[in-house]
Structure formats: structure tokens, C-alpha cells
Amino acid sequence: MPASDFAAAVDWPEVPACYGWLSLDRRGCWRLRGQPVSHPGLIGYINSHYGSDASGNWIFQNGPQAVFVALDYTPLVLRMDADGGLITHTGVAAGTVAAAYFDEEGSVLLQTALGVGLLDDRDLPAFVAACRNEHGANAVEDALLAVMAGGSGIFWRSLPVQALTRRDVPRRFGFEPDPAP
């Protein structure tokens, strides 16, 4: 359930929103005031109460309090499971992938049924190994670099891999990476 729906479903007292305490890093790990959250119960609780509001902010709904999440990149971090499926950092199947992108740094972003997500860097070798050129052959490094620079001709699971600049990602996909009061 999106956090905004969760908040609307319960009659909570008014409490101030919280900014600058919780963040999500590029590997899908929660950080509280910059320190990694390691307690499995707390991670599970945050995961189950994480969602977005109508303004593109991502929040953790902690009872009556909305805790706005600062994002190191995207609101979702994706990992490949053993069968090649994609799972979000919250443990939810990401669903169908509609588009694949390389940014100028070589990061991979995937537009899924749940939204845009950054592919965990530990899964980049598997992603690259699955990339093909227009003839179906393995994509060579020069072709991958050309896509990062705006070229085309590389496919992942039959989807064309497109170039995208990091600075354009929040606007294009409608989220706020660093919410502020």
C-alpha cells in the first residue's frame, strides 16, 4: 500500500513531518542519519510502510508521522533473482520491464511496472552479459559505451537500451530525490 494511502486509512493525530533522517542508498540499503540500518525487523517495517505521495516524494509512514526519504538515486533499487527476475529492495517483484537505460556513468535504470529503479551494481555483469547487438551477438564494450553517449543498437531482453542523463531522471520519472519542508 502506498504510504499516502496508509496514512489516509487511519485517523492519526497531527504530528510534524520528518526530513533529513532517512535515506536510501544506491544498493537499496536504508540509512538513518547516514548510518546503515541493520536490524531485520526495522528494515522489514520500513519496507512495508514505504511509498510515494502525489507530489513525487517517497516516504516511510511511521504511524502518524511521514518520514521523507532522501534518495541517492531512484526510489527503487532492483536486484536480479536466480531466475533473472527483478526484485525491489523492499522484496517485491518489480513486474514487467518497459524500458532499459544506461546513464553517462554506466548505471542501469529499468522502468518497471512499479516505477523506475536503479539496478544494483552487483548485477551489472549479468545485465551486460544479456545485452545483444541488432544481430543477436553479445554486445561489445565499444557498443555499450556508444549507447551511454547517446547511441543505439544494443538490446536487453529485446528492449532497446537507451541513453539517459542522471540529472534528467527525477524529472522524467516524476520523483523528488531530496524532499524538503
Protein backbone atom coordinates (compact mmCIF):
# COMPACT_ATOMS: atom_id res chain seq x y z
CA MET A 1 0.00 0.00 0.00
CA PRO A 2 1.43 3.41 -0.87
CA ALA A 3 2.32 5.33 2.26
CA SER A 4 -0.16 8.09 1.38
CA ASP A 5 -2.99 5.51 1.23
CA PHE A 6 -1.87 4.04 4.54
CA ALA A 7 -1.93 7.46 6.19
CA ALA A 8 -5.40 8.18 4.80
CA ALA A 9 -6.76 4.85 6.08
CA VAL A 10 -6.02 5.66 9.73
CA ASP A 11 -7.21 8.62 11.80
CA TRP A 12 -3.90 9.85 13.25
CA PRO A 13 -3.22 12.90 15.37
CA GLU A 14 -1.33 15.75 13.72
CA VAL A 15 2.44 15.40 14.08
CA PRO A 16 5.22 17.20 12.19
CA ALA A 17 6.78 15.52 9.17
CA CYS A 18 10.38 14.40 9.43
CA TYR A 19 13.06 15.41 6.91
CA GLY A 20 16.76 14.57 6.70
CA TRP A 21 16.72 11.44 8.85
CA LEU A 22 16.12 8.55 6.47
CA SER A 23 17.79 7.86 3.14
CA LEU A 24 18.02 5.06 0.59
CA ASP A 25 21.45 4.35 -0.88
CA ARG A 26 22.36 3.07 -4.35
CA ARG A 27 22.31 -0.54 -3.19
CA GLY A 28 18.87 -0.34 -1.61
CA CYS A 29 20.05 -0.06 1.98
CA TRP A 30 18.30 2.20 4.44
CA ARG A 31 20.38 4.76 6.31
CA LEU A 32 19.28 6.58 9.42
CA ARG A 33 21.18 9.85 9.82
CA GLY A 34 23.85 8.39 7.50
CA GLN A 35 24.29 5.15 9.42
CA PRO A 36 23.21 1.81 7.88
CA VAL A 37 20.07 0.26 9.30
CA SER A 38 20.91 -3.38 10.04
CA HIS A 39 18.11 -4.66 12.28
CA PRO A 40 15.98 -7.05 10.15
CA GLY A 41 12.76 -6.12 11.95
CA LEU A 42 13.27 -2.41 11.41
CA ILE A 43 14.21 -2.94 7.76
CA GLY A 44 11.05 -5.01 7.26
CA TYR A 45 8.92 -2.36 8.94
CA ILE A 46 10.36 0.45 6.81
CA ASN A 47 9.97 -1.66 3.65
CA SER A 48 6.30 -2.39 4.40
CA HIS A 49 5.48 1.28 5.00
CA TYR A 50 7.43 2.81 2.10
CA GLY A 51 5.57 4.55 -0.69
CA SER A 52 5.08 7.81 -2.53
CA ASP A 53 2.77 10.77 -2.25
CA ALA A 54 1.05 12.72 -5.01
CA SER A 55 3.96 15.18 -5.20
CA GLY A 56 6.57 12.54 -6.06
CA ASN A 57 8.07 12.40 -2.58
CA TRP A 58 8.95 8.98 -1.22
CA ILE A 59 8.11 8.49 2.40
CA PHE A 60 8.15 5.98 5.21
CA GLN A 61 4.85 6.24 7.07
CA ASN A 62 5.80 5.76 10.73
CA GLY A 63 2.40 5.73 12.38
CA PRO A 64 1.12 9.30 12.26
CA GLN A 65 4.44 10.70 11.08
CA ALA A 66 5.56 10.96 7.47
CA VAL A 67 9.32 10.44 7.26
CA PHE A 68 10.51 11.83 3.93
CA VAL A 69 13.23 9.74 2.30
CA ALA A 70 16.30 11.23 0.61
CA LEU A 71 17.22 9.12 -2.41
CA ASP A 72 20.81 8.55 -3.50
CA TYR A 73 19.41 7.90 -6.99
CA THR A 74 15.98 6.35 -7.63
CA PRO A 75 13.08 5.40 -5.32
CA LEU A 76 13.58 1.72 -6.12
CA VAL A 77 16.73 -0.35 -6.25
CA LEU A 78 16.40 -3.53 -8.28
CA ARG A 79 18.16 -6.84 -7.87
CA MET A 80 18.10 -9.85 -10.13
CA ASP A 81 16.96 -13.09 -8.59
CA ALA A 82 18.37 -16.50 -9.54
CA ASP A 83 15.90 -16.82 -12.44
CA GLY A 84 16.68 -13.34 -13.83
CA GLY A 85 13.53 -11.77 -12.41
CA LEU A 86 13.73 -8.36 -10.78
CA ILE A 87 13.01 -7.77 -7.10
CA THR A 88 12.88 -4.35 -5.45
CA HIS A 89 14.96 -3.54 -2.39
CA THR A 90 11.72 -3.95 -0.41
CA GLY A 91 11.37 -7.57 -1.57
CA VAL A 92 8.53 -7.04 -4.06
CA ALA A 93 8.60 -8.45 -7.60
CA ALA A 94 9.14 -5.49 -9.93
CA GLY A 95 6.91 -6.84 -12.70
CA THR A 96 7.24 -6.19 -16.40
CA VAL A 97 10.13 -4.07 -17.63
CA ALA A 98 9.04 -1.47 -20.18
CA ALA A 99 12.37 0.27 -20.83
CA ALA A 100 16.09 -0.03 -20.12
CA TYR A 101 18.59 2.82 -19.84
CA PHE A 102 22.28 3.49 -19.37
CA ASP A 103 23.25 6.78 -17.78
CA GLU A 104 26.52 8.57 -18.51
CA GLU A 105 28.19 6.84 -15.54
CA GLY A 106 27.28 3.32 -16.72
CA SER A 107 24.45 2.84 -14.23
CA VAL A 108 21.46 0.86 -15.46
CA LEU A 109 17.93 2.07 -14.86
CA LEU A 110 14.88 -0.02 -15.60
CA GLN A 111 11.34 1.25 -15.98
CA THR A 112 9.21 -1.45 -14.33
CA ALA A 113 5.55 -1.91 -13.54
CA LEU A 114 6.32 -0.41 -10.09
CA GLY A 115 8.30 2.56 -11.40
CA VAL A 116 11.89 3.37 -12.25
CA GLY A 117 14.64 1.57 -10.41
CA LEU A 118 18.41 1.56 -10.36
CA LEU A 119 19.88 -1.87 -10.96
CA ASP A 120 22.12 -2.87 -8.06
CA ASP A 121 25.71 -2.55 -9.31
CA ARG A 122 26.41 -6.15 -8.26
CA ASP A 123 24.02 -7.23 -11.04
CA LEU A 124 25.68 -5.18 -13.80
CA PRO A 125 27.78 -8.10 -15.10
CA ALA A 126 24.63 -10.21 -15.61
CA PHE A 127 22.86 -7.29 -17.29
CA VAL A 128 25.78 -6.65 -19.67
CA ALA A 129 26.09 -10.38 -20.44
CA ALA A 130 22.45 -10.37 -21.54
CA CYS A 131 22.88 -7.34 -23.86
CA ARG A 132 22.88 -8.08 -27.57
CA ASN A 133 23.50 -6.09 -30.73
CA GLU A 134 20.98 -5.86 -33.58
CA HIS A 135 22.30 -9.17 -34.99
CA GLY A 136 21.81 -11.04 -31.70
CA ALA A 137 25.52 -11.27 -30.86
CA ASN A 138 26.89 -10.32 -27.46
CA ALA A 139 27.30 -6.57 -27.17
CA VAL A 140 30.92 -5.48 -27.17
CA GLU A 141 32.29 -2.84 -24.82
CA ASP A 142 32.58 -0.15 -27.51
CA ALA A 143 28.90 -0.58 -28.41
CA LEU A 144 27.87 -0.30 -24.76
CA LEU A 145 29.96 2.86 -24.37
CA ALA A 146 28.36 4.26 -27.52
CA VAL A 147 24.88 3.77 -26.03
CA MET A 148 25.97 5.59 -22.86
CA ALA A 149 27.00 8.50 -25.10
CA GLY A 150 23.60 8.58 -26.85
CA GLY A 151 23.96 5.86 -29.48
CA SER A 152 21.69 2.91 -30.10
CA GLY A 153 21.75 -0.65 -31.37
CA ILE A 154 22.00 -2.56 -28.08
CA PHE A 155 19.13 -4.61 -26.70
CA TRP A 156 18.40 -6.22 -23.33
CA ARG A 157 15.68 -8.85 -23.33
CA SER A 158 14.57 -7.42 -26.70
CA LEU A 159 14.25 -3.89 -25.27
CA PRO A 160 16.43 -1.20 -26.83
CA VAL A 161 18.85 0.17 -24.26
CA GLN A 162 18.58 3.95 -24.31
CA ALA A 163 20.83 6.72 -23.06
CA LEU A 164 19.70 8.89 -20.19
CA THR A 165 21.50 11.53 -18.15
CA ARG A 166 21.37 11.24 -14.39
CA ARG A 167 20.25 14.82 -13.87
CA ASP A 168 17.14 14.17 -16.01
CA VAL A 169 15.99 11.05 -14.14
CA PRO A 170 13.92 12.67 -11.32
CA ARG A 171 12.03 14.97 -13.67
CA ARG A 172 11.46 12.31 -16.30
CA PHE A 173 10.13 9.77 -13.82
CA GLY A 174 8.35 12.20 -11.51
CA PHE A 175 10.03 11.87 -8.14
CA GLU A 176 11.77 14.18 -5.71
CA PRO A 177 15.23 12.86 -4.72
CA ASP A 178 15.73 15.19 -1.76
CA PRO A 179 12.44 16.28 -0.18
CA ALA A 180 12.49 19.46 1.87
CA PRO A 181 9.86 21.13 4.04
